[in-house]
PDB file of N, CA and C in Angstrom:
ATOM      1  N   MET A   1       0.821  -1.195   0.000  1.00  0.00           N
ATOM      2  CA  MET A   1       0.000   0.000   0.000  1.00  0.00           C
ATOM      3  C   MET A   1       0.867   1.262   0.000  1.00  0.00           C
ATOM      4  N   LYS A   2       1.995   1.223   0.728  1.00  0.00           N
ATOM      5  CA  LYS A   2       2.894   2.379   0.755  1.00  0.00           C
ATOM      6  C   LYS A   2       3.435   2.675  -0.638  1.00  0.00           C
ATOM      7  N   LYS A   3       3.638   1.610  -1.393  1.00  0.00           N
ATOM      8  CA  LYS A   3       4.176   1.743  -2.742  1.00  0.00           C
ATOM      9  C   LYS A   3       3.280   2.647  -3.593  1.00  0.00           C
ATOM     10  N   ILE A   4       1.981   2.508  -3.444  1.00  0.00           N
ATOM     11  CA  ILE A   4       1.028   3.303  -4.229  1.00  0.00           C
ATOM     12  C   ILE A   4       1.144   4.780  -3.867  1.00  0.00           C
ATOM     13  N   TYR A   5       1.341   5.079  -2.597  1.00  0.00           N
ATOM     14  CA  TYR A   5       1.484   6.475  -2.176  1.00  0.00           C
ATOM     15  C   TYR A   5       2.704   7.130  -2.833  1.00  0.00           C
ATOM     16  N   PHE A   6       3.796   6.400  -2.888  1.00  0.00           N
ATOM     17  CA  PHE A   6       5.010   6.945  -3.497  1.00  0.00           C
ATOM     18  C   PHE A   6       4.864   7.099  -5.008  1.00  0.00           C
ATOM     19  N   ILE A   7       4.148   6.171  -5.631  1.00  0.00           N
ATOM     20  CA  ILE A   7       3.884   6.294  -7.070  1.00  0.00           C
ATOM     21  C   ILE A   7       3.017   7.519  -7.339  1.00  0.00           C
ATOM     22  N   ILE A   8       1.987   7.709  -6.527  1.00  0.00           N
ATOM     23  CA  ILE A   8       1.120   8.888  -6.674  1.00  0.00           C
ATOM     24  C   ILE A   8       1.918  10.164  -6.436  1.00  0.00           C
ATOM     25  N   LEU A   9       2.782  10.155  -5.416  1.00  0.00           N
ATOM     26  CA  LEU A   9       3.620  11.323  -5.127  1.00  0.00           C
ATOM     27  C   LEU A   9       4.543  11.642  -6.298  1.00  0.00           C
ATOM     28  N   ALA A  10       5.109  10.622  -6.922  1.00  0.00           N
ATOM     29  CA  ALA A  10       5.990  10.837  -8.069  1.00  0.00           C
ATOM     30  C   ALA A  10       5.210  11.434  -9.242  1.00  0.00           C
ATOM     31  N   PHE A  11       4.026  10.902  -9.516  1.00  0.00           N
ATOM     32  CA  PHE A  11       3.212  11.461 -10.604  1.00  0.00           C
ATOM     33  C   PHE A  11       2.774  12.892 -10.304  1.00  0.00           C
ATOM     34  N   LEU A  12       2.399  13.153  -9.063  1.00  0.00           N
ATOM     35  CA  LEU A  12       2.023  14.530  -8.689  1.00  0.00           C
ATOM     36  C   LEU A  12       3.206  15.485  -8.865  1.00  0.00           C
ATOM     37  N   SER A  13       4.392  15.026  -8.529  1.00  0.00           N
ATOM     38  CA  SER A  13       5.593  15.849  -8.695  1.00  0.00           C
ATOM     39  C   SER A  13       5.831  16.161 -10.173  1.00  0.00           C
ATOM     40  N   ILE A  14       5.701  15.156 -11.016  1.00  0.00           N
ATOM     41  CA  ILE A  14       5.888  15.367 -12.451  1.00  0.00           C
ATOM     42  C   ILE A  14       4.860  16.352 -12.983  1.00  0.00           C
ATOM     43  N   PHE A  15       3.592  16.145 -12.599  1.00  0.00           N
ATOM     44  CA  PHE A  15       2.535  17.045 -13.080  1.00  0.00           C
ATOM     45  C   PHE A  15       2.720  18.466 -12.555  1.00  0.00           C
ATOM     46  N   TYR A  16       3.217  18.605 -11.320  1.00  0.00           N
ATOM     47  CA  TYR A  16       3.445  19.944 -10.775  1.00  0.00           C
ATOM     48  C   TYR A  16       4.547  20.681 -11.540  1.00  0.00           C
ATOM     49  N   VAL A  17       5.626  19.990 -11.856  1.00  0.00           N
ATOM     50  CA  VAL A  17       6.714  20.622 -12.618  1.00  0.00           C
ATOM     51  C   VAL A  17       6.194  21.038 -13.995  1.00  0.00           C
ATOM     52  N   ILE A  18       5.444  20.156 -14.648  1.00  0.00           N
ATOM     53  CA  ILE A  18       4.891  20.483 -15.968  1.00  0.00           C
ATOM     54  C   ILE A  18       3.916  21.657 -15.858  1.00  0.00           C
ATOM     55  N   TYR A  19       3.111  21.683 -14.812  1.00  0.00           N
ATOM     56  CA  TYR A  19       2.166  22.785 -14.585  1.00  0.00           C
ATOM     57  C   TYR A  19       2.906  24.112 -14.441  1.00  0.00           C
ATOM     58  N   GLU A  20       3.991  24.112 -13.681  1.00  0.00           N
ATOM     59  CA  GLU A  20       4.770  25.343 -13.484  1.00  0.00           C
ATOM     60  C   GLU A  20       5.426  25.803 -14.788  1.00  0.00           C
ATOM     61  N   VAL A  21       5.860  24.864 -15.608  1.00  0.00           N
ATOM     62  CA  VAL A  21       6.449  25.215 -16.909  1.00  0.00           C
ATOM     63  C   VAL A  21       5.387  25.830 -17.807  1.00  0.00           C
ATOM     64  N   ARG A  22       4.203  25.253 -17.800  1.00  0.00           N
ATOM     65  CA  ARG A  22       3.121  25.769 -18.650  1.00  0.00           C
ATOM     66  C   ARG A  22       2.678  27.158 -18.216  1.00  0.00           C
ATOM     67  N   LYS A  23       2.774  27.471 -16.915  1.00  0.00           N
ATOM     68  CA  LYS A  23       2.413  28.796 -16.418  1.00  0.00           C
ATOM     69  C   LYS A  23       3.550  29.800 -16.604  1.00  0.00           C
ATOM     70  N   LYS A  24       4.656  29.337 -17.214  1.00  0.00           N
ATOM     71  CA  LYS A  24       5.838  30.167 -17.478  1.00  0.00           C
ATOM     72  C   LYS A  24       6.517  30.640 -16.189  1.00  0.00           C
ATOM     73  N   LYS A  25       6.385  29.875 -15.111  1.00  0.00           N
ATOM     74  CA  LYS A  25       7.060  30.209 -13.870  1.00  0.00           C
ATOM     75  C   LYS A  25       8.358  29.426 -13.713  1.00  0.00           C
ATOM     76  N   PHE A  26       8.599  28.527 -14.654  1.00  0.00           N
ATOM     77  CA  PHE A  26       9.754  27.642 -14.577  1.00  0.00           C
ATOM     78  C   PHE A  26      10.213  27.378 -15.998  1.00  0.00           C
ATOM     79  N   SER A  27      11.510  27.466 -16.247  1.00  0.00           N
ATOM     80  CA  SER A  27      12.001  27.271 -17.610  1.00  0.00           C
ATOM     81  C   SER A  27      12.052  25.797 -17.973  1.00  0.00           C
ATOM     82  N   ILE A  28      11.926  25.525 -19.243  1.00  0.00           N
ATOM     83  CA  ILE A  28      11.968  24.152 -19.732  1.00  0.00           C
ATOM     84  C   ILE A  28      13.337  23.541 -19.465  1.00  0.00           C
ATOM     85  N   LYS A  29      14.375  24.365 -19.639  1.00  0.00           N
ATOM     86  CA  LYS A  29      15.742  23.886 -19.431  1.00  0.00           C
ATOM     87  C   LYS A  29      15.952  23.430 -17.983  1.00  0.00           C
ATOM     88  N   GLU A  30      15.453  24.194 -17.033  1.00  0.00           N
ATOM     89  CA  GLU A  30      15.596  23.832 -15.621  1.00  0.00           C
ATOM     90  C   GLU A  30      14.685  22.672 -15.239  1.00  0.00           C
ATOM     91  N   SER A  31      13.529  22.610 -15.870  1.00  0.00           N
ATOM     92  CA  SER A  31      12.580  21.564 -15.513  1.00  0.00           C
ATOM     93  C   SER A  31      13.082  20.178 -15.908  1.00  0.00           C
ATOM     94  N   PHE A  32      13.976  20.120 -16.872  1.00  0.00           N
ATOM     95  CA  PHE A  32      14.510  18.829 -17.309  1.00  0.00           C
ATOM     96  C   PHE A  32      15.091  18.043 -16.133  1.00  0.00           C
ATOM     97  N   TRP A  33      15.872  18.704 -15.301  1.00  0.00           N
ATOM     98  CA  TRP A  33      16.524  18.012 -14.185  1.00  0.00           C
ATOM     99  C   TRP A  33      15.514  17.588 -13.135  1.00  0.00           C
ATOM    100  N   TRP A  34      14.486  18.404 -12.908  1.00  0.00           N
ATOM    101  CA  TRP A  34      13.475  18.035 -11.928  1.00  0.00           C
ATOM    102  C   TRP A  34      12.587  16.906 -12.447  1.00  0.00           C
ATOM    103  N   ILE A  35      12.297  16.914 -13.736  1.00  0.00           N
ATOM    104  CA  ILE A  35      11.535  15.801 -14.319  1.00  0.00           C
ATOM    105  C   ILE A  35      12.363  14.516 -14.220  1.00  0.00           C
ATOM    106  N   THR A  36      13.662  14.622 -14.472  1.00  0.00           N
ATOM    107  CA  THR A  36      14.546  13.460 -14.340  1.00  0.00           C
ATOM    108  C   THR A  36      14.508  12.914 -12.911  1.00  0.00           C
ATOM    109  N   ALA A  37      14.552  13.807 -11.927  1.00  0.00           N
ATOM    110  CA  ALA A  37      14.493  13.374 -10.529  1.00  0.00           C
ATOM    111  C   ALA A  37      13.139  12.738 -10.216  1.00  0.00           C
ATOM    112  N   CYS A  38      12.074  13.287 -10.762  1.00  0.00           N
ATOM    113  CA  CYS A  38      10.740  12.714 -10.535  1.00  0.00           C
ATOM    114  C   CYS A  38      10.613  11.339 -11.171  1.00  0.00           C
ATOM    115  N   ILE A  39      11.181  11.161 -12.341  1.00  0.00           N
ATOM    116  CA  ILE A  39      11.144   9.850 -12.997  1.00  0.00           C
ATOM    117  C   ILE A  39      11.957   8.842 -12.191  1.00  0.00           C
ATOM    118  N   LEU A  40      13.098   9.270 -11.680  1.00  0.00           N
ATOM    119  CA  LEU A  40      13.890   8.392 -10.820  1.00  0.00           C
ATOM    120  C   LEU A  40      13.090   8.015  -9.572  1.00  0.00           C
ATOM    121  N   MET A  41      12.378   8.977  -9.017  1.00  0.00           N
ATOM    122  CA  MET A  41      11.538   8.714  -7.852  1.00  0.00           C
ATOM    123  C   MET A  41      10.430   7.719  -8.212  1.00  0.00           C
ATOM    124  N   LEU A  42       9.873   7.850  -9.404  1.00  0.00           N
ATOM    125  CA  LEU A  42       8.839   6.921  -9.864  1.00  0.00           C
ATOM    126  C   LEU A  42       9.403   5.505 -10.032  1.00  0.00           C
ATOM    127  N   VAL A  43      10.574   5.407 -10.624  1.00  0.00           N
ATOM    128  CA  VAL A  43      11.208   4.090 -10.809  1.00  0.00           C
ATOM    129  C   VAL A  43      11.487   3.443  -9.456  1.00  0.00           C
ATOM    130  N   LEU A  44      11.990   4.235  -8.512  1.00  0.00           N
ATOM    131  CA  LEU A  44      12.258   3.687  -7.179  1.00  0.00           C
ATOM    132  C   LEU A  44      10.976   3.315  -6.444  1.00  0.00           C
ATOM    133  N   ALA A  45       9.884   4.017  -6.733  1.00  0.00           N
ATOM    134  CA  ALA A  45       8.604   3.673  -6.116  1.00  0.00           C
ATOM    135  C   ALA A  45       8.049   2.377  -6.697  1.00  0.00           C
ATOM    136  N   ILE A  46       8.217   2.191  -7.992  1.00  0.00           N
ATOM    137  CA  ILE A  46       7.710   0.977  -8.643  1.00  0.00           C
ATOM    138  C   ILE A  46       8.589  -0.220  -8.315  1.00  0.00           C
ATOM    139  N   PHE A  47       9.894  -0.010  -8.334  1.00  0.00           N
ATOM    140  CA  PHE A  47      10.856  -1.090  -8.053  1.00  0.00           C
ATOM    141  C   PHE A  47      11.683  -0.718  -6.820  1.00  0.00           C
ATOM    142  N   PRO A  48      11.117  -0.830  -5.622  1.00  0.00           N
ATOM    143  CA  PRO A  48      11.824  -0.365  -4.422  1.00  0.00           C
ATOM    144  C   PRO A  48      13.110  -1.128  -4.109  1.00  0.00           C
ATOM    145  N   TYR A  49      13.224  -2.352  -4.584  1.00  0.00           N
ATOM    146  CA  TYR A  49      14.425  -3.126  -4.274  1.00  0.00           C
ATOM    147  C   TYR A  49      15.558  -2.871  -5.271  1.00  0.00           C
ATOM    148  N   SER A  50      15.317  -2.013  -6.251  1.00  0.00           N
ATOM    149  CA  SER A  50      16.385  -1.696  -7.204  1.00  0.00           C
ATOM    150  C   SER A  50      17.529  -0.945  -6.521  1.00  0.00           C
ATOM    151  N   ILE A  51      17.205  -0.145  -5.516  1.00  0.00           N
ATOM    152  CA  ILE A  51      18.258   0.568  -4.784  1.00  0.00           C
ATOM    153  C   ILE A  51      19.121  -0.438  -4.014  1.00  0.00           C
ATOM    154  N   ASP A  52      18.507  -1.525  -3.540  1.00  0.00           N
ATOM    155  CA  ASP A  52      19.275  -2.573  -2.850  1.00  0.00           C
ATOM    156  C   ASP A  52      20.239  -3.261  -3.817  1.00  0.00           C
ATOM    157  N   LYS A  53      19.748  -3.563  -4.997  1.00  0.00           N
ATOM    158  CA  LYS A  53      20.590  -4.238  -6.003  1.00  0.00           C
ATOM    159  C   LYS A  53      21.742  -3.333  -6.441  1.00  0.00           C
ATOM    160  N   LEU A  54      21.426  -2.048  -6.636  1.00  0.00           N
ATOM    161  CA  LEU A  54      22.469  -1.097  -7.038  1.00  0.00           C
ATOM    162  C   LEU A  54      23.508  -0.933  -5.933  1.00  0.00           C
ATOM    163  N   ALA A  55      23.048  -0.866  -4.696  1.00  0.00           N
ATOM    164  CA  ALA A  55      23.977  -0.747  -3.566  1.00  0.00           C
ATOM    165  C   ALA A  55      24.848  -1.997  -3.452  1.00  0.00           C
ATOM    166  N   GLN A  56      24.248  -3.140  -3.677  1.00  0.00           N
ATOM    167  CA  GLN A  56      25.008  -4.389  -3.633  1.00  0.00           C
ATOM    168  C   GLN A  56      26.057  -4.410  -4.752  1.00  0.00           C
ATOM    169  N   PHE A  57      25.675  -3.937  -5.930  1.00  0.00           N
ATOM    170  CA  PHE A  57      26.605  -3.871  -7.062  1.00  0.00           C
ATOM    171  C   PHE A  57      27.764  -2.939  -6.766  1.00  0.00           C
ATOM    172  N   LEU A  58      27.502  -1.833  -6.077  1.00  0.00           N
ATOM    173  CA  LEU A  58      28.542  -0.849  -5.748  1.00  0.00           C
ATOM    174  C   LEU A  58      29.256  -1.143  -4.432  1.00  0.00           C
ATOM    175  N   ASN A  59      28.948  -2.287  -3.821  1.00  0.00           N
ATOM    176  CA  ASN A  59      29.536  -2.687  -2.535  1.00  0.00           C
ATOM    177  C   ASN A  59      29.247  -1.692  -1.417  1.00  0.00           C
ATOM    178  N   ILE A  60      28.045  -1.209  -1.366  1.00  0.00           N
ATOM    179  CA  ILE A  60      27.612  -0.319  -0.284  1.00  0.00           C
ATOM    180  C   ILE A  60      26.769  -1.163   0.661  1.00  0.00           C
ATOM    181  N   GLU A  61      27.151  -1.181   1.926  1.00  0.00           N
ATOM    182  CA  GLU A  61      26.497  -2.083   2.874  1.00  0.00           C
ATOM    183  C   GLU A  61      25.105  -1.635   3.287  1.00  0.00           C
ATOM    184  N   TYR A  62      24.873  -0.338   3.357  1.00  0.00           N
ATOM    185  CA  TYR A  62      23.577   0.169   3.816  1.00  0.00           C
ATOM    186  C   TYR A  62      22.896   0.887   2.648  1.00  0.00           C
ATOM    187  N   PRO A  63      21.984   0.224   1.932  1.00  0.00           N
ATOM    188  CA  PRO A  63      21.382   0.772   0.715  1.00  0.00           C
ATOM    189  C   PRO A  63      20.736   2.160   0.856  1.00  0.00           C
ATOM    190  N   PRO A  64      20.067   2.482   1.986  1.00  0.00           N
ATOM    191  CA  PRO A  64      19.506   3.829   2.072  1.00  0.00           C
ATOM    192  C   PRO A  64      20.563   4.945   1.995  1.00  0.00           C
ATOM    193  N   SER A  65      21.783   4.634   2.403  1.00  0.00           N
ATOM    194  CA  SER A  65      22.831   5.652   2.302  1.00  0.00           C
ATOM    195  C   SER A  65      23.127   5.980   0.840  1.00  0.00           C
ATOM    196  N   LEU A  66      22.991   5.004  -0.048  1.00  0.00           N
ATOM    197  CA  LEU A  66      23.173   5.263  -1.475  1.00  0.00           C
ATOM    198  C   LEU A  66      22.110   6.240  -1.974  1.00  0.00           C
ATOM    199  N   LEU A  67      20.892   6.060  -1.501  1.00  0.00           N
ATOM    200  CA  LEU A  67      19.812   6.973  -1.882  1.00  0.00           C
ATOM    201  C   LEU A  67      20.129   8.393  -1.431  1.00  0.00           C
ATOM    202  N   PHE A  68      20.638   8.535  -0.208  1.00  0.00           N
ATOM    203  CA  PHE A  68      21.007   9.863   0.285  1.00  0.00           C
ATOM    204  C   PHE A  68      22.155  10.464  -0.510  1.00  0.00           C
ATOM    205  N   VAL A  69      23.119   9.650  -0.868  1.00  0.00           N
ATOM    206  CA  VAL A  69      24.249  10.140  -1.670  1.00  0.00           C
ATOM    207  C   VAL A  69      23.765  10.615  -3.034  1.00  0.00           C
ATOM    208  N   ILE A  70      22.876   9.855  -3.651  1.00  0.00           N
ATOM    209  CA  ILE A  70      22.329  10.255  -4.955  1.00  0.00           C
ATOM    210  C   ILE A  70      21.588  11.588  -4.830  1.00  0.00           C
ATOM    211  N   CYS A  71      20.782  11.727  -3.786  1.00  0.00           N
ATOM    212  CA  CYS A  71      20.044  12.985  -3.570  1.00  0.00           C
ATOM    213  C   CYS A  71      20.994  14.161  -3.324  1.00  0.00           C
ATOM    214  N   ILE A  72      22.010  13.936  -2.530  1.00  0.00           N
ATOM    215  CA  ILE A  72      22.969  15.005  -2.229  1.00  0.00           C
ATOM    216  C   ILE A  72      23.714  15.424  -3.492  1.00  0.00           C
ATOM    217  N   ILE A  73      24.142  14.464  -4.286  1.00  0.00           N
ATOM    218  CA  ILE A  73      24.838  14.790  -5.532  1.00  0.00           C
ATOM    219  C   ILE A  73      23.918  15.574  -6.468  1.00  0.00           C
ATOM    220  N   PHE A  74      22.664  15.147  -6.568  1.00  0.00           N
ATOM    221  CA  PHE A  74      21.697  15.850  -7.413  1.00  0.00           C
ATOM    222  C   PHE A  74      21.514  17.291  -6.945  1.00  0.00           C
ATOM    223  N   LEU A  75      21.328  17.485  -5.640  1.00  0.00           N
ATOM    224  CA  LEU A  75      21.120  18.838  -5.112  1.00  0.00           C
ATOM    225  C   LEU A  75      22.372  19.705  -5.255  1.00  0.00           C
ATOM    226  N   LEU A  76      23.542  19.110  -5.091  1.00  0.00           N
ATOM    227  CA  LEU A  76      24.776  19.867  -5.312  1.00  0.00           C
ATOM    228  C   LEU A  76      24.907  20.289  -6.772  1.00  0.00           C
ATOM    229  N   PHE A  77      24.531  19.401  -7.683  1.00  0.00           N
ATOM    230  CA  PHE A  77      24.561  19.733  -9.101  1.00  0.00           C
ATOM    231  C   PHE A  77      23.611  20.894  -9.406  1.00  0.00           C
ATOM    232  N   ILE A  78      22.398  20.824  -8.878  1.00  0.00           N
ATOM    233  CA  ILE A  78      21.420  21.906  -9.080  1.00  0.00           C
ATOM    234  C   ILE A  78      21.942  23.207  -8.467  1.00  0.00           C
ATOM    235  N   ASN A  79      22.529  23.126  -7.278  1.00  0.00           N
ATOM    236  CA  ASN A  79      23.075  24.305  -6.615  1.00  0.00           C
ATOM    237  C   ASN A  79      24.208  24.921  -7.430  1.00  0.00           C
ATOM    238  N   PHE A  80      25.072  24.078  -7.983  1.00  0.00           N
ATOM    239  CA  PHE A  80      26.174  24.574  -8.804  1.00  0.00           C
ATOM    240  C   PHE A  80      25.636  25.280 -10.052  1.00  0.00           C
ATOM    241  N   ARG A  81      24.652  24.671 -10.715  1.00  0.00           N
ATOM    242  CA  ARG A  81      24.058  25.295 -11.909  1.00  0.00           C
ATOM    243  C   ARG A  81      23.432  26.648 -11.567  1.00  0.00           C
ATOM    244  N   ASN A  82      22.721  26.694 -10.444  1.00  0.00           N
ATOM    245  CA  ASN A  82      22.088  27.951 -10.033  1.00  0.00           C
ATOM    246  C   ASN A  82      23.130  29.013  -9.686  1.00  0.00           C
ATOM    247  N   SER A  83      24.201  28.619  -9.020  1.00  0.00           N
ATOM    248  CA  SER A  83      25.270  29.574  -8.690  1.00  0.00           C
ATOM    249  C   SER A  83      25.917  30.111  -9.957  1.00  0.00           C
ATOM    250  N   LYS A  84      26.111  29.242 -10.927  1.00  0.00           N
ATOM    251  CA  LYS A  84      26.689  29.654 -12.207  1.00  0.00           C
ATOM    252  C   LYS A  84      25.777  30.661 -12.905  1.00  0.00           C
ATOM    253  N   GLN A  85      24.478  30.398 -12.884  1.00  0.00           N
ATOM    254  CA  GLN A  85      23.532  31.317 -13.511  1.00  0.00           C
ATOM    255  C   GLN A  85      23.473  32.644 -12.771  1.00  0.00           C
ATOM    256  N   ILE A  86      23.522  32.602 -11.455  1.00  0.00           N
ATOM    257  CA  ILE A  86      23.502  33.836 -10.670  1.00  0.00           C
ATOM    258  C   ILE A  86      24.729  34.678 -10.984  1.00  0.00           C
ATOM    259  N   SER A  87      25.886  34.051 -11.096  1.00  0.00           N
ATOM    260  CA  SER A  87      27.111  34.784 -11.435  1.00  0.00           C
ATOM    261  C   SER A  87      26.982  35.445 -12.798  1.00  0.00           C
ATOM    262  N   GLY A  88      26.434  34.713 -13.755  1.00  0.00           N
ATOM    263  CA  GLY A  88      26.230  35.291 -15.085  1.00  0.00           C
ATOM    264  C   GLY A  88      25.270  36.464 -15.051  1.00  0.00           C
ATOM    265  N   HIS A  89      24.202  36.343 -14.265  1.00  0.00           N
ATOM    266  CA  HIS A  89      23.235  37.437 -14.152  1.00  0.00           C
ATOM    267  C   HIS A  89      23.850  38.653 -13.451  1.00  0.00           C
ATOM    268  N   GLN A  90      24.696  38.412 -12.457  1.00  0.00           N
ATOM    269  CA  GLN A  90      25.354  39.527 -11.774  1.00  0.00           C
ATOM    270  C   GLN A  90      26.249  40.303 -12.736  1.00  0.00           C
ATOM    271  N   GLU A  91      26.964  39.592 -13.595  1.00  0.00           N
ATOM    272  CA  GLU A  91      27.807  40.260 -14.598  1.00  0.00           C
ATOM    273  C   GLU A  91      26.943  41.104 -15.540  1.00  0.00           C
ATOM    274  N   LYS A  92      25.823  40.562 -15.970  1.00  0.00           N
ATOM    275  CA  LYS A  92      24.929  41.300 -16.868  1.00  0.00           C
ATOM    276  C   LYS A  92      24.339  42.520 -16.179  1.00  0.00           C
ATOM    277  N   ILE A  93      24.014  42.402 -14.900  1.00  0.00           N
ATOM    278  CA  ILE A  93      23.459  43.534 -14.144  1.00  0.00           C
ATOM    279  C   ILE A  93      24.482  44.649 -14.058  1.00  0.00           C
ATOM    280  N   ILE A  94      25.721  44.295 -13.770  1.00  0.00           N
ATOM    281  CA  ILE A  94      26.784  45.315 -13.694  1.00  0.00           C
ATOM    282  C   ILE A  94      26.947  45.999 -15.046  1.00  0.00           C
ATOM    283  N   GLU A  95      26.958  45.206 -16.107  1.00  0.00           N
ATOM    284  CA  GLU A  95      27.104  45.755 -17.454  1.00  0.00           C
ATOM    285  C   GLU A  95      25.936  46.676 -17.802  1.00  0.00           C
ATOM    286  N   LEU A  96      24.725  46.277 -17.460  1.00  0.00           N
ATOM    287  CA  LEU A  96      23.548  47.108 -17.729  1.00  0.00           C
ATOM    288  C   LEU A  96      23.563  48.386 -16.903  1.00  0.00           C
ATOM    289  N   ALA A  97      23.988  48.297 -15.644  1.00  0.00           N
ATOM    290  CA  ALA A  97      24.073  49.486 -14.795  1.00  0.00           C
ATOM    291  C   ALA A  97      25.079  50.479 -15.368  1.00  0.00           C
ATOM    292  N   GLN A  98      26.198  49.981 -15.873  1.00  0.00           N
ATOM    293  CA  GLN A  98      27.191  50.867 -16.481  1.00  0.00           C
ATOM    294  C   GLN A  98      26.635  51.505 -17.756  1.00  0.00           C
ATOM    295  N   HIS A  99      25.922  50.723 -18.528  1.00  0.00           N
ATOM    296  CA  HIS A  99      25.330  51.247 -19.764  1.00  0.00           C
ATOM    297  C   HIS A  99      24.292  52.325 -19.455  1.00  0.00           C
ATOM    298  N   ILE A 100      23.478  52.099 -18.432  1.00  0.00           N
ATOM    299  CA  ILE A 100      22.471  53.096 -18.026  1.00  0.00           C
ATOM    300  C   ILE A 100      23.150  54.365 -17.536  1.00  0.00           C
ATOM    301  N   ALA A 101      24.234  54.232 -16.772  1.00  0.00           N
ATOM    302  CA  ALA A 101      24.958  55.407 -16.271  1.00  0.00           C
ATOM    303  C   ALA A 101      25.502  56.231 -17.437  1.00  0.00           C
ATOM    304  N   LEU A 102      26.026  55.561 -18.469  1.00  0.00           N
ATOM    305  CA  LEU A 102      26.542  56.282 -19.637  1.00  0.00           C
ATOM    306  C   LEU A 102      25.405  56.993 -20.380  1.00  0.00           C
ATOM    307  N   LEU A 103      24.270  56.326 -20.512  1.00  0.00           N
ATOM    308  CA  LEU A 103      23.129  56.952 -21.193  1.00  0.00           C
ATOM    309  C   LEU A 103      22.585  58.146 -20.408  1.00  0.00           C
ATOM    310  N   GLU A 104      22.543  58.043 -19.091  1.00  0.00           N
ATOM    311  CA  GLU A 104      22.088  59.157 -18.259  1.00  0.00           C
ATOM    312  C   GLU A 104      23.042  60.340 -18.374  1.00  0.00           C
ATOM    313  N   GLU A 105      24.326  60.048 -18.420  1.00  0.00           N
ATOM    314  CA  GLU A 105      25.315  61.117 -18.574  1.00  0.00           C
ATOM    315  C   GLU A 105      25.143  61.815 -19.922  1.00  0.00           C
ATOM    316  N   GLU A 106      24.896  61.026 -20.958  1.00  0.00           N
ATOM    317  CA  GLU A 106      24.661  61.588 -22.287  1.00  0.00           C
ATOM    318  C   GLU A 106      23.431  62.482 -22.293  1.00  0.00           C
ATOM    319  N   LEU A 107      22.364  62.029 -21.629  1.00  0.00           N
ATOM    320  CA  LEU A 107      21.134  62.833 -21.561  1.00  0.00           C
ATOM    321  C   LEU A 107      21.362  64.148 -20.810  1.00  0.00           C
ATOM    322  N   GLN A 108      22.118  64.098 -19.729  1.00  0.00           N
ATOM    323  CA  GLN A 108      22.413  65.307 -18.981  1.00  0.00           C
ATOM    324  C   GLN A 108      23.216  66.299 -19.803  1.00  0.00           C
ATOM    325  N   GLU A 109      24.163  65.790 -20.590  1.00  0.00           N
ATOM    326  CA  GLU A 109      24.968  66.675 -21.440  1.00  0.00           C
ATOM    327  C   GLU A 109      24.093  67.311 -22.524  1.00  0.00           C
ATOM    328  N   LYS A 110      23.186  66.538 -23.083  1.00  0.00           N
ATOM    329  CA  LYS A 110      22.287  67.081 -24.111  1.00  0.00           C
ATOM    330  C   LYS A 110      21.314  68.082 -23.507  1.00  0.00           C
ATOM    331  N   GLY A 111      20.919  67.842 -22.254  1.00  0.00           N
ATOM    332  CA  GLY A 111      20.002  68.749 -21.579  1.00  0.00           C
ATOM    333  C   GLY A 111      20.670  70.088 -21.244  1.00  0.00           C
ATOM    334  N   LYS A 112      21.974  70.092 -21.021  1.00  0.00           N
ATOM    335  CA  LYS A 112      22.698  71.320 -20.709  1.00  0.00           C
ATOM    336  C   LYS A 112      22.886  72.185 -21.963  1.00  0.00           C
ATOM    337  N   LYS A 113      22.916  71.533 -23.128  1.00  0.00           N
ATOM    338  CA  LYS A 113      23.139  72.276 -24.371  1.00  0.00           C
ATOM    339  C   LYS A 113      21.918  72.943 -24.788  1.00  0.00           C
TER     340      LYS A 113
END
């Protein structure tokens, strides 16, 4: 019975991400990674012992720790991508602020003439 709850949760997660993309609150490029995570969650909900088999293959003694490692790596990847985008946006903001300052100076000079 618990399995059904996790399957429903995975489908709700997928539909929520798609809903946010359709409302233009979330980019398609960013949603790809969240849809991938939701599909992984769905696969783990349908085949709960697959994490045990994967942990056994990787010689990990406690299978839930593998799940936590996968989640941590995923979140670190998302965090790195977001930090990279923020840095790019900060550079653009500085460039735009400088451009606006030059345009304002030009307007002031024209206003004095």
